Amino acid sequence: MENPSQKLLAKFGLKEPEENKTLPSTSPEKENDRRSFLKKSALGGMMLGGFMFSSIEDTLAQSTSKVNRNSAPADLKITDMRYAVVMNGHARCPVIRIDTNQGIYGLGEVRDGASWRYALFLKSRILGMNPCSVEQIFKRIKQFGFHGRQGGGVCAVEMALWDLAGKAYNVPAYQLLGGKYRDKVRLYADTPQGNDEAQFVERIQKRLKDEGFTFMKMDFGIELLKGVPGTASNSNFWDIGRQWTNEPMTYGATEHPMTQIQLTDKGLEILANRVALVREKMGYEIPLASDHYGHFDHNNAIRLGKAVEKYRLAWLEDMIPWKFTDQWKMISDAIETPTTTGEDIYLKEEFIKLIDAHAVDIVHPDLATSGGLLETKKIGDYAEEKGVAMAMHFAGTPVSFMANVHCAAATQNFMALEHHSVDVDYWTSLVKMKGPMIEKGFAIVPETPGLGIELNDDVVKKHLDPEHNQYFTATTEWDKDRSWDRLWS
C-alpha cells in the first residue's frame, strides 16, 4: 500500500529515490530532481496567498508548473557580469547581464549617459552570491554609488537581481515587491519641437490623439533669451545658451545660485508666452509639467513661478539643485504651482530630508539613480505617509523602462512615469515581450517572470555605441576584488 509521500510523488510522475543513494552536487540528476526542487523552492516561499485554500498537492503542482527545473533558488550563484552599450537615440545606455550557474540571467541598465564601469566595478563584489538575496547584495554594494549618474551601476545590478529572482520564482518583479496596485502605468511625454507653429501644433495633436498620452511635459528655459536684449542681467558674462556644458567655470557647470543671473520683466514675458502657446494648443484638461529653466537662484525661480501660475502647470521641476533644501522650501512656500526635484538623488535619505522639510510638493526619483526598484518603492511609501506625491523620471532603454513599470505598479503613491524616447522609431523593438509594451499613453504591466522582457539581439546589435560596440563579451579583468571595502573597524 502506498504511503502519503509515495502518492504525492506519483501525482507528479516521480519515484521515491533508492535508499542511501547519493548524488554528486554537480550531477544533472540532482539539478533536475523535481522532488528536491519542491523542497527547496515551493515549500520555501512559492506558496503565494492565492493558494492558501488549496490542497498541498494542488499548490505544489500549480506553483511549480512553469518553473525552470534547473533554477532551485537556494542553489543559484552569480557567475558572471557582461555588458553592451546601446544607443537610445543620441544617448548611450549601458545594459548589463548577470549570469548564474543554472543558466538563467538577469538584465539591468546603467543610467543613460553614465559609464558601464560603474556596474562592472561591482562584479568582483557579487560573484558567487545568491542573486535572490537582493537586499543583502544591495547593502553590500550601495556604498559604491553616489548621486547623479554615479548611482547607475548599483541600480543596474539591483534591476538585474530582481529580473533574476522573478525568473527563479516564476513571478513578475512587482510580485516580489508586494504585489501591484495597477495593471497599467500612466506615462508622460515631452512636447515635441517644430520648425514653426503649424508643425508644432501638428506634433502636439499626434501626441494626444494618435499616441494617446494623457500627461505632457515641456521645456521653457532661458536659452530662449540668448541674444535677446533686455531679458537677462549678467548674460554678458555667462553664455546662457549653453546649459548642458560641464567644463569647469562655464555657465553649465556652475550651480544656479552662483550665476546671479536676473530675469527681467521682458524675459519673464517671453518665457510665459511659450507656456501660454502650449496651453492654448493642448487645453487645460491634460496635465502639463515643465522642466529645464536655466541656472538662476531661488529668487528668480519664485518670480518665474509666479509669472506662469495662471497656466496651472502640473509641476515646476529642478528649478535649482536638489541639495538646497532650505531654498526649495522658500520657493514652494512662495508659489502655488507644485514643485519637484529628485532625478539626481541617490538613496532614500536625501529624499527624506526634502519630504520632512516640506520643501517640495512632489518627489521625482530616477530609478536608475535612486537605488533601484525596492529603494524607489520605499521613497514613494515614505512620501505617501507625509502627504507628498511621487512621479518618476526616466530616459533609457526598455530594460530600465520595465524596471520602472514594475516599481510603479507596486507603489501606491505614484503619479506618472516619463517616456523620453517616443520618437526613437526602433525603441520598443530593442526587446521582446509577451503582449504590447505601451498602449495609448500607458505602459502595460507584464505578468511574465522577472522584468518580463528579453533583448532582441539582432536589433540591439544594430544600435550599439559605435565607439564601444562589443556585445556581452567576456569581462574577466573585473573578476577579482583587490581592496578592503568595509567602512568600519
Protein backbone atom coordinates (compact mmCIF):
# COMPACT_ATOMS: atom_id res chain seq x y z
CA MET A 1 0.00 0.00 0.00
CA GLU A 2 1.34 3.43 -0.93
CA ASN A 3 2.18 5.82 1.85
CA PRO A 4 1.22 9.54 1.55
CA SER A 5 4.62 10.61 0.24
CA GLN A 6 4.51 7.94 -2.47
CA LYS A 7 1.03 9.13 -3.51
CA LEU A 8 2.26 12.72 -3.73
CA LEU A 9 5.26 11.70 -5.81
CA ALA A 10 3.07 9.58 -8.09
CA LYS A 11 0.82 12.60 -8.70
CA PHE A 12 3.82 14.37 -10.23
CA GLY A 13 5.11 11.30 -12.08
CA LEU A 14 8.06 10.82 -9.73
CA LYS A 15 9.55 7.84 -7.93
CA GLU A 16 10.98 7.51 -4.45
CA PRO A 17 14.81 7.61 -4.73
CA GLU A 18 16.68 4.47 -3.81
CA GLU A 19 17.63 4.20 -0.16
CA ASN A 20 21.06 5.55 0.75
CA LYS A 21 21.69 6.64 -2.83
CA THR A 22 23.78 9.83 -3.01
CA LEU A 23 24.48 12.05 -5.99
CA PRO A 24 27.41 14.40 -6.58
CA SER A 25 26.44 18.05 -6.14
CA THR A 26 27.10 18.87 -9.79
CA SER A 27 25.22 15.92 -11.33
CA PRO A 28 22.35 16.59 -13.76
CA GLU A 29 20.19 14.16 -11.80
CA LYS A 30 20.42 16.27 -8.67
CA GLU A 31 19.92 19.56 -10.55
CA ASN A 32 16.81 18.26 -12.27
CA ASP A 33 15.33 16.29 -9.42
CA ARG A 34 11.78 17.61 -9.09
CA ARG A 35 11.38 16.38 -5.55
CA SER A 36 14.45 18.34 -4.46
CA PHE A 37 13.13 21.44 -6.19
CA LEU A 38 9.78 21.18 -4.42
CA LYS A 39 11.52 21.08 -1.07
CA LYS A 40 13.92 23.92 -1.80
CA SER A 41 11.73 26.23 -3.83
CA ALA A 42 7.98 25.70 -3.48
CA LEU A 43 7.89 24.95 0.23
CA GLY A 44 10.48 27.67 0.83
CA GLY A 45 8.43 30.57 -0.43
CA MET A 46 6.34 29.93 -3.54
CA MET A 47 3.04 29.23 -1.81
CA LEU A 48 1.51 32.62 -2.53
CA GLY A 49 -1.63 33.86 -0.85
CA GLY A 50 -3.83 32.77 -3.72
CA PHE A 51 -3.11 29.10 -2.95
CA MET A 52 -3.84 29.19 0.77
CA PHE A 53 -7.14 27.30 0.49
CA SER A 54 -5.88 24.64 -1.97
CA SER A 55 -4.59 21.20 -1.11
CA ILE A 56 -0.83 20.85 -0.73
CA GLU A 57 -0.70 18.68 -3.85
CA ASP A 58 -2.54 21.26 -5.98
CA THR A 59 -0.49 24.07 -4.51
CA LEU A 60 2.78 22.40 -5.37
CA ALA A 61 1.61 21.44 -8.85
CA GLN A 62 0.39 24.92 -9.76
CA SER A 63 3.19 26.92 -8.18
CA THR A 64 5.91 24.91 -9.92
CA SER A 65 4.22 24.09 -13.22
CA LYS A 66 6.18 26.59 -15.28
CA VAL A 67 9.36 26.89 -13.27
CA ASN A 68 12.70 26.02 -14.84
CA ARG A 69 13.73 22.85 -13.00
CA ASN A 70 17.35 23.99 -13.16
CA SER A 71 16.53 27.04 -11.07
CA ALA A 72 16.25 25.98 -7.46
CA PRO A 73 16.54 29.48 -5.94
CA ALA A 74 18.54 28.39 -2.90
CA ASP A 75 21.27 27.00 -5.15
CA LEU A 76 21.60 29.96 -7.53
CA LYS A 77 25.02 31.60 -7.72
CA ILE A 78 26.21 34.62 -9.71
CA THR A 79 28.93 33.54 -12.13
CA ASP A 80 29.43 36.47 -14.50
CA MET A 81 28.52 40.04 -15.46
CA ARG A 82 28.80 41.37 -19.01
CA TYR A 83 27.58 44.48 -20.82
CA ALA A 84 26.66 46.15 -24.11
CA VAL A 85 26.38 49.92 -24.69
CA VAL A 86 23.14 50.64 -26.57
CA MET A 87 22.35 53.87 -28.37
CA ASN A 88 18.94 55.21 -27.36
CA GLY A 89 18.66 57.93 -29.97
CA HIS A 90 21.66 60.13 -29.11
CA ALA A 91 22.10 58.78 -25.55
CA ARG A 92 24.46 55.96 -24.57
CA CYS A 93 22.77 53.41 -22.30
CA PRO A 94 24.88 50.53 -20.93
CA VAL A 95 22.87 47.32 -20.47
CA ILE A 96 24.30 44.64 -18.18
CA ARG A 97 23.62 40.91 -17.97
CA ILE A 98 24.22 38.94 -14.76
CA ASP A 99 24.66 35.20 -15.40
CA THR A 100 24.23 32.30 -12.97
CA ASN A 101 25.31 28.70 -12.51
CA GLN A 102 21.87 27.48 -13.60
CA GLY A 103 21.59 29.15 -16.98
CA ILE A 104 19.10 31.90 -16.09
CA TYR A 105 20.24 35.52 -16.22
CA GLY A 106 19.04 38.98 -15.33
CA LEU A 107 19.10 42.25 -17.27
CA GLY A 108 19.77 45.70 -15.82
CA GLU A 109 20.70 49.12 -17.16
CA VAL A 110 23.21 51.72 -16.05
CA ARG A 111 21.59 55.14 -16.19
CA ASP A 112 21.56 56.92 -19.54
CA GLY A 113 24.76 58.81 -20.24
CA ALA A 114 26.73 57.02 -17.49
CA SER A 115 29.71 54.69 -17.79
CA TRP A 116 29.35 50.91 -17.84
CA ARG A 117 32.35 50.87 -15.48
CA TYR A 118 30.09 51.90 -12.61
CA ALA A 119 28.48 48.45 -12.87
CA LEU A 120 31.48 46.31 -13.83
CA PHE A 121 33.35 47.70 -10.82
CA LEU A 122 30.85 45.74 -8.70
CA LYS A 123 31.33 42.39 -10.41
CA SER A 124 34.07 41.09 -8.12
CA ARG A 125 31.96 42.00 -5.10
CA ILE A 126 28.93 39.92 -6.07
CA LEU A 127 30.39 36.84 -7.80
CA GLY A 128 29.35 33.67 -6.00
CA MET A 129 26.44 35.32 -4.17
CA ASN A 130 22.83 34.19 -4.50
CA PRO A 131 21.05 36.72 -6.78
CA CYS A 132 17.76 36.12 -4.97
CA SER A 133 19.28 37.74 -1.86
CA VAL A 134 18.60 41.12 -3.41
CA GLU A 135 18.64 43.26 -0.29
CA GLN A 136 21.76 41.59 1.09
CA ILE A 137 23.66 42.25 -2.13
CA PHE A 138 22.30 45.81 -2.31
CA LYS A 139 23.58 46.56 1.18
CA ARG A 140 26.98 45.16 0.19
CA ILE A 141 27.37 47.36 -2.90
CA LYS A 142 25.39 50.55 -2.20
CA GLN A 143 28.46 52.30 -0.75
CA PHE A 144 29.88 52.33 -4.30
CA GLY A 145 27.11 54.52 -5.72
CA PHE A 146 26.51 58.25 -5.43
CA HIS A 147 24.24 61.00 -6.70
CA GLY A 148 23.66 61.59 -10.41
CA ARG A 149 24.99 59.07 -12.89
CA GLN A 150 27.34 57.59 -10.28
CA GLY A 151 24.37 55.70 -8.83
CA GLY A 152 23.82 53.97 -12.15
CA GLY A 153 26.00 50.91 -11.53
CA VAL A 154 24.41 49.92 -8.23
CA CYS A 155 20.94 50.45 -9.70
CA ALA A 156 21.73 48.38 -12.81
CA VAL A 157 22.80 45.46 -10.64
CA GLU A 158 19.69 45.80 -8.47
CA MET A 159 17.43 45.73 -11.56
CA ALA A 160 19.16 42.61 -12.86
CA LEU A 161 18.79 40.87 -9.48
CA TRP A 162 15.02 41.42 -9.44
CA ASP A 163 14.86 40.12 -13.01
CA LEU A 164 16.76 37.01 -11.91
CA ALA A 165 14.74 36.48 -8.73
CA GLY A 166 11.48 36.79 -10.64
CA LYS A 167 12.64 34.21 -13.16
CA ALA A 168 13.78 31.85 -10.40
CA TYR A 169 10.43 32.04 -8.60
CA ASN A 170 8.37 32.35 -11.81
CA VAL A 171 6.68 35.59 -10.78
CA PRO A 172 6.76 39.16 -12.14
CA ALA A 173 9.13 41.51 -10.35
CA TYR A 174 6.22 43.55 -8.97
CA GLN A 175 5.02 40.49 -7.05
CA LEU A 176 8.32 40.32 -5.18
CA LEU A 177 7.83 43.97 -4.16
CA GLY A 178 4.49 43.16 -2.52
CA GLY A 179 2.08 42.95 -5.44
CA LYS A 180 0.57 45.52 -7.75
CA TYR A 181 -1.82 48.42 -7.37
CA ARG A 182 -2.43 48.87 -11.10
CA ASP A 183 -2.44 46.89 -14.36
CA LYS A 184 -1.17 49.78 -16.44
CA VAL A 185 1.16 52.66 -15.68
CA ARG A 186 0.41 56.23 -16.78
CA LEU A 187 3.17 57.81 -18.86
CA TYR A 188 4.10 61.40 -19.53
CA ALA A 189 5.92 62.56 -22.66
CA ASP A 190 7.79 65.66 -23.77
CA THR A 191 6.02 68.10 -26.04
CA PRO A 192 7.69 67.71 -29.45
CA GLN A 193 9.57 70.51 -31.16
CA GLY A 194 8.56 72.03 -34.51
CA ASN A 195 10.12 74.29 -37.10
CA ASP A 196 7.12 76.60 -36.91
CA GLU A 197 3.85 76.90 -35.02
CA ALA A 198 1.88 74.83 -37.54
CA GLN A 199 4.29 71.90 -37.30
CA PHE A 200 4.36 72.22 -33.52
CA VAL A 201 0.57 72.02 -33.32
CA GLU A 202 0.54 69.02 -35.65
CA ARG A 203 3.01 67.16 -33.45
CA ILE A 204 1.12 68.05 -30.28
CA GLN A 205 -2.03 66.58 -31.77
CA LYS A 206 -0.13 63.41 -32.69
CA ARG A 207 0.98 63.03 -29.05
CA LEU A 208 -2.55 63.44 -27.78
CA LYS A 209 -4.72 61.82 -30.46
CA ASP A 210 -2.58 59.19 -32.17
CA GLU A 211 -0.19 58.23 -29.38
CA GLY A 212 -2.78 58.70 -26.66
CA PHE A 213 -0.74 60.44 -23.99
CA THR A 214 -2.75 61.91 -21.12
CA PHE A 215 0.12 63.76 -19.42
CA MET A 216 2.74 66.04 -21.04
CA LYS A 217 5.87 67.96 -20.11
CA MET A 218 7.54 70.95 -21.77
CA ASP A 219 10.80 72.91 -21.53
CA PHE A 220 10.90 76.70 -21.45
CA GLY A 221 14.40 77.66 -20.40
CA ILE A 222 16.32 80.91 -20.55
CA GLU A 223 18.27 79.68 -23.57
CA LEU A 224 15.25 81.15 -25.40
CA LEU A 225 16.51 84.55 -24.22
CA LYS A 226 20.01 84.20 -25.67
CA GLY A 227 20.79 87.22 -27.80
CA VAL A 228 17.53 88.99 -26.92
CA PRO A 229 18.43 92.40 -25.44
CA GLY A 230 16.99 93.38 -22.07
CA THR A 231 15.86 89.91 -20.96
CA ALA A 232 18.56 88.61 -18.59
CA SER A 233 21.03 90.54 -16.46
CA ASN A 234 24.60 89.13 -16.21
CA SER A 235 24.18 87.39 -19.56
CA ASN A 236 27.09 89.49 -20.81
CA PHE A 237 29.34 87.24 -18.68
CA TRP A 238 27.57 83.87 -18.89
CA ASP A 239 26.59 82.12 -22.12
CA ILE A 240 23.00 81.31 -21.17
CA GLY A 241 22.57 79.19 -24.29
CA ARG A 242 24.98 76.53 -23.03
CA GLN A 243 23.14 74.88 -20.14
CA TRP A 244 24.48 71.40 -20.98
CA THR A 245 28.19 72.17 -20.82
CA ASN A 246 30.19 70.65 -17.98
CA GLU A 247 33.62 72.19 -18.36
CA PRO A 248 34.86 73.87 -15.16
CA MET A 249 33.91 77.53 -14.71
CA THR A 250 31.33 77.51 -17.50
CA TYR A 251 27.67 78.50 -17.14
CA GLY A 252 26.51 74.89 -17.46
CA ALA A 253 28.88 73.69 -14.73
CA THR A 254 28.00 76.48 -12.27
CA GLU A 255 25.30 75.82 -9.68
CA HIS A 256 22.25 78.01 -10.08
CA PRO A 257 22.61 80.47 -7.17
CA MET A 258 26.22 81.20 -8.10
CA THR A 259 25.47 82.65 -11.53
CA GLN A 260 23.48 85.60 -10.16
CA ILE A 261 21.56 85.84 -13.41
CA GLN A 262 18.48 88.03 -13.06
CA LEU A 263 15.39 87.68 -15.26
CA THR A 264 13.81 90.94 -16.37
CA ASP A 265 10.09 91.53 -16.87
CA LYS A 266 10.67 91.28 -20.60
CA GLY A 267 12.44 87.95 -20.19
CA LEU A 268 9.67 86.60 -17.98
CA GLU A 269 7.06 87.64 -20.51
CA ILE A 270 8.81 85.73 -23.31
CA LEU A 271 9.03 82.56 -21.18
CA ALA A 272 5.41 82.87 -20.03
CA ASN A 273 4.25 83.31 -23.63
CA ARG A 274 5.92 80.00 -24.52
CA VAL A 275 3.84 78.27 -21.85
CA ALA A 276 0.70 80.09 -22.99
CA LEU A 277 1.15 78.82 -26.56
CA VAL A 278 1.40 75.20 -25.44
CA ARG A 279 -1.58 75.56 -23.10
CA GLU A 280 -3.64 77.13 -25.88
CA LYS A 281 -2.98 74.20 -28.22
CA MET A 282 -3.39 71.49 -25.57
CA GLY A 283 -6.15 72.84 -23.38
CA TYR A 284 -6.34 72.56 -19.61
CA GLU A 285 -7.75 69.05 -19.21
CA ILE A 286 -4.32 67.47 -19.79
CA PRO A 287 -1.69 67.90 -17.06
CA LEU A 288 1.31 69.87 -18.34
CA ALA A 289 4.54 69.74 -16.35
CA SER A 290 7.69 71.76 -17.04
CA ASP A 291 11.48 71.48 -16.83
CA HIS A 292 14.88 72.98 -17.83
CA TYR A 293 14.63 76.66 -16.96
CA GLY A 294 18.31 77.52 -16.72
CA HIS A 295 20.73 78.42 -13.95
CA PHE A 296 19.46 81.20 -11.69
CA ASP A 297 18.77 81.48 -7.96
CA HIS A 298 15.67 80.79 -5.87
CA ASN A 299 14.54 84.44 -6.01
CA ASN A 300 14.28 84.33 -9.78
CA ALA A 301 12.71 80.87 -9.56
CA ILE A 302 9.95 82.43 -7.45
CA ARG A 303 9.47 85.25 -9.96
CA LEU A 304 9.22 82.74 -12.81
CA GLY A 305 6.84 80.54 -10.82
CA LYS A 306 4.51 83.46 -10.17
CA ALA A 307 4.65 84.53 -13.84
CA VAL A 308 3.25 81.18 -15.03
CA GLU A 309 0.86 80.39 -12.17
CA LYS A 310 -2.27 81.06 -14.21
CA TYR A 311 -1.36 78.25 -16.64
CA ARG A 312 -1.79 75.66 -13.85
CA LEU A 313 1.28 73.59 -14.57
CA ALA A 314 1.44 70.12 -13.00
CA TRP A 315 4.84 70.97 -11.56
CA LEU A 316 7.97 73.08 -11.87
CA GLU A 317 10.92 70.66 -11.96
CA ASP A 318 14.54 71.14 -10.85
CA MET A 319 14.45 74.93 -10.69
CA ILE A 320 17.57 74.80 -8.50
CA PRO A 321 19.84 71.88 -7.47
CA TRP A 322 18.11 69.32 -5.25
CA LYS A 323 20.55 69.70 -2.34
CA PHE A 324 19.47 73.26 -1.42
CA THR A 325 16.63 72.11 0.83
CA ASP A 326 16.02 75.45 2.56
CA GLN A 327 15.89 77.32 -0.74
CA TRP A 328 13.48 74.74 -2.18
CA LYS A 329 11.19 75.34 0.77
CA MET A 330 11.28 79.09 0.14
CA ILE A 331 10.25 78.52 -3.48
CA SER A 332 7.49 76.06 -2.59
CA ASP A 333 6.09 78.33 0.12
CA ALA A 334 6.03 81.36 -2.19
CA ILE A 335 4.21 79.95 -5.24
CA GLU A 336 1.04 77.97 -5.92
CA THR A 337 2.37 75.65 -8.64
CA PRO A 338 3.65 72.32 -7.27
CA THR A 339 7.43 71.92 -7.14
CA THR A 340 9.50 68.78 -7.68
CA THR A 341 13.08 67.53 -7.73
CA GLY A 342 14.95 64.27 -7.28
CA GLU A 343 16.14 62.73 -10.55
CA ASP A 344 19.77 63.02 -9.40
CA ILE A 345 19.33 61.88 -5.79
CA TYR A 346 20.88 58.57 -4.71
CA LEU A 347 19.10 56.56 -1.98
CA LYS A 348 16.15 57.50 0.19
CA GLU A 349 17.92 59.55 2.87
CA GLU A 350 18.14 62.80 0.89
CA PHE A 351 14.53 62.39 -0.25
CA ILE A 352 13.54 62.05 3.41
CA LYS A 353 15.19 65.40 4.17
CA LEU A 354 13.21 67.14 1.42
CA ILE A 355 9.97 65.43 2.45
CA ASP A 356 10.34 66.12 6.17
CA ALA A 357 11.10 69.78 5.48
CA HIS A 358 8.03 70.07 3.19
CA ALA A 359 10.50 71.54 0.70
CA VAL A 360 8.79 70.13 -2.41
CA ASP A 361 5.27 69.04 -3.26
CA ILE A 362 6.29 66.06 -5.41
CA VAL A 363 9.36 63.81 -5.32
CA HIS A 364 10.77 62.78 -8.68
CA PRO A 365 13.30 59.92 -8.44
CA ASP A 366 15.01 58.31 -11.41
CA LEU A 367 15.05 54.61 -10.55
CA ALA A 368 18.42 54.20 -12.31
CA THR A 369 19.96 56.62 -9.79
CA SER A 370 17.74 56.44 -6.70
CA GLY A 371 18.70 52.89 -5.74
CA GLY A 372 16.61 50.62 -7.95
CA LEU A 373 13.17 49.10 -7.59
CA LEU A 374 12.93 48.46 -3.86
CA GLU A 375 14.62 51.70 -2.76
CA THR A 376 12.36 53.74 -5.07
CA LYS A 377 9.29 51.99 -3.68
CA LYS A 378 10.50 52.87 -0.18
CA ILE A 379 10.84 56.51 -1.27
CA GLY A 380 7.28 56.50 -2.60
CA ASP A 381 5.92 54.83 0.51
CA TYR A 382 7.62 57.32 2.82
CA ALA A 383 6.43 60.27 0.74
CA GLU A 384 2.88 58.93 0.86
CA GLU A 385 2.95 58.85 4.66
CA LYS A 386 3.96 62.52 4.67
CA GLY A 387 1.40 63.66 2.09
CA VAL A 388 3.83 64.07 -0.81
CA ALA A 389 3.17 62.60 -4.27
CA MET A 390 5.73 60.77 -6.45
CA ALA A 391 6.36 60.96 -10.19
CA MET A 392 9.21 59.04 -11.83
CA HIS A 393 11.91 60.33 -14.16
CA PHE A 394 13.22 58.04 -16.91
CA ALA A 395 15.24 58.38 -20.14
CA GLY A 396 16.76 54.98 -21.00
CA THR A 397 16.08 51.79 -22.96
CA PRO A 398 13.17 49.38 -22.46
CA VAL A 399 15.26 47.43 -19.91
CA SER A 400 15.26 50.25 -17.38
CA PHE A 401 11.78 51.26 -18.51
CA MET A 402 10.31 47.91 -17.50
CA ALA A 403 12.08 48.08 -14.14
CA ASN A 404 10.28 51.40 -13.64
CA VAL A 405 6.96 49.89 -14.74
CA HIS A 406 7.18 47.12 -12.13
CA CYS A 407 8.13 49.60 -9.40
CA ALA A 408 5.30 51.97 -10.37
CA ALA A 409 2.83 49.09 -10.41
CA ALA A 410 3.85 48.12 -6.87
CA THR A 411 3.81 51.65 -5.40
CA GLN A 412 0.50 53.22 -4.44
CA ASN A 413 1.88 56.76 -4.26
CA PHE A 414 2.60 57.12 -7.98
CA MET A 415 1.52 59.77 -10.48
CA ALA A 416 3.20 59.21 -13.84
CA LEU A 417 6.38 57.81 -15.42
CA GLU A 418 8.40 59.70 -18.02
CA HIS A 419 8.76 58.24 -21.52
CA HIS A 420 11.64 60.08 -23.12
CA SER A 421 12.01 58.05 -26.33
CA VAL A 422 8.63 58.34 -28.02
CA ASP A 423 10.23 59.49 -31.25
CA VAL A 424 13.00 56.84 -31.36
CA ASP A 425 11.50 54.56 -34.00
CA TYR A 426 13.35 51.37 -33.01
CA TRP A 427 12.98 51.82 -29.24
CA THR A 428 10.29 49.23 -28.46
CA SER A 429 11.91 46.68 -30.80
CA LEU A 430 15.08 46.58 -28.69
CA VAL A 431 13.35 43.95 -26.55
CA LYS A 432 10.87 41.12 -26.91
CA MET A 433 7.97 40.57 -24.54
CA LYS A 434 4.59 38.91 -24.36
CA GLY A 435 1.95 41.42 -25.42
CA PRO A 436 2.30 45.14 -26.09
CA MET A 437 4.65 47.32 -24.05
CA ILE A 438 2.65 50.55 -24.41
CA GLU A 439 -0.96 51.26 -25.36
CA LYS A 440 -2.37 54.78 -25.72
CA GLY A 441 -0.06 56.51 -23.28
CA PHE A 442 0.03 53.70 -20.71
CA ALA A 443 2.63 51.00 -20.11
CA ILE A 444 1.14 47.53 -19.71
CA VAL A 445 2.34 45.72 -16.58
CA PRO A 446 3.57 42.27 -17.72
CA GLU A 447 2.59 39.04 -15.99
CA THR A 448 5.67 37.14 -17.15
CA PRO A 449 8.60 36.35 -14.80
CA GLY A 450 11.13 38.97 -13.75
CA LEU A 451 11.06 42.20 -15.72
CA GLY A 452 9.11 40.41 -18.46
CA ILE A 453 11.48 41.14 -21.34
CA GLU A 454 14.37 39.64 -23.29
CA LEU A 455 16.75 41.50 -25.57
CA ASN A 456 16.07 41.40 -29.30
CA ASP A 457 19.69 40.59 -30.16
CA ASP A 458 19.52 41.45 -33.87
CA VAL A 459 18.04 44.90 -33.25
CA VAL A 460 20.29 45.72 -30.30
CA LYS A 461 23.41 44.82 -32.31
CA LYS A 462 22.36 47.34 -34.97
CA HIS A 463 22.26 50.11 -32.37
CA LEU A 464 25.41 49.63 -30.33
CA ASP A 465 27.63 52.57 -29.46
CA PRO A 466 29.95 52.83 -32.50
CA GLU A 467 32.82 53.74 -30.18
CA HIS A 468 32.20 50.72 -27.96
CA ASN A 469 30.42 48.05 -29.98
CA GLN A 470 31.21 44.84 -28.09
CA TYR A 471 28.20 42.64 -27.30
CA PHE A 472 28.36 40.88 -23.94
CA THR A 473 31.94 39.72 -24.40
CA ALA A 474 34.00 38.34 -21.50
CA THR A 475 34.90 40.76 -18.70
CA THR A 476 37.39 38.63 -16.76
CA GLU A 477 39.53 41.67 -15.93
CA TRP A 478 36.79 42.65 -13.43
CA ASP A 479 36.64 39.26 -11.69
CA LYS A 480 38.97 39.88 -8.74
CA ASP A 481 38.42 42.13 -5.75
CA ARG A 482 41.65 43.83 -4.74
CA SER A 483 40.50 46.16 -1.97
CA TRP A 484 39.29 46.13 1.63
CA ASP A 485 35.89 47.80 1.40
CA ARG A 486 34.48 47.63 4.92
CA LEU A 487 33.61 51.09 6.23
CA TRP A 488 34.19 50.32 9.92
CA SER A 489 36.92 48.74 12.06
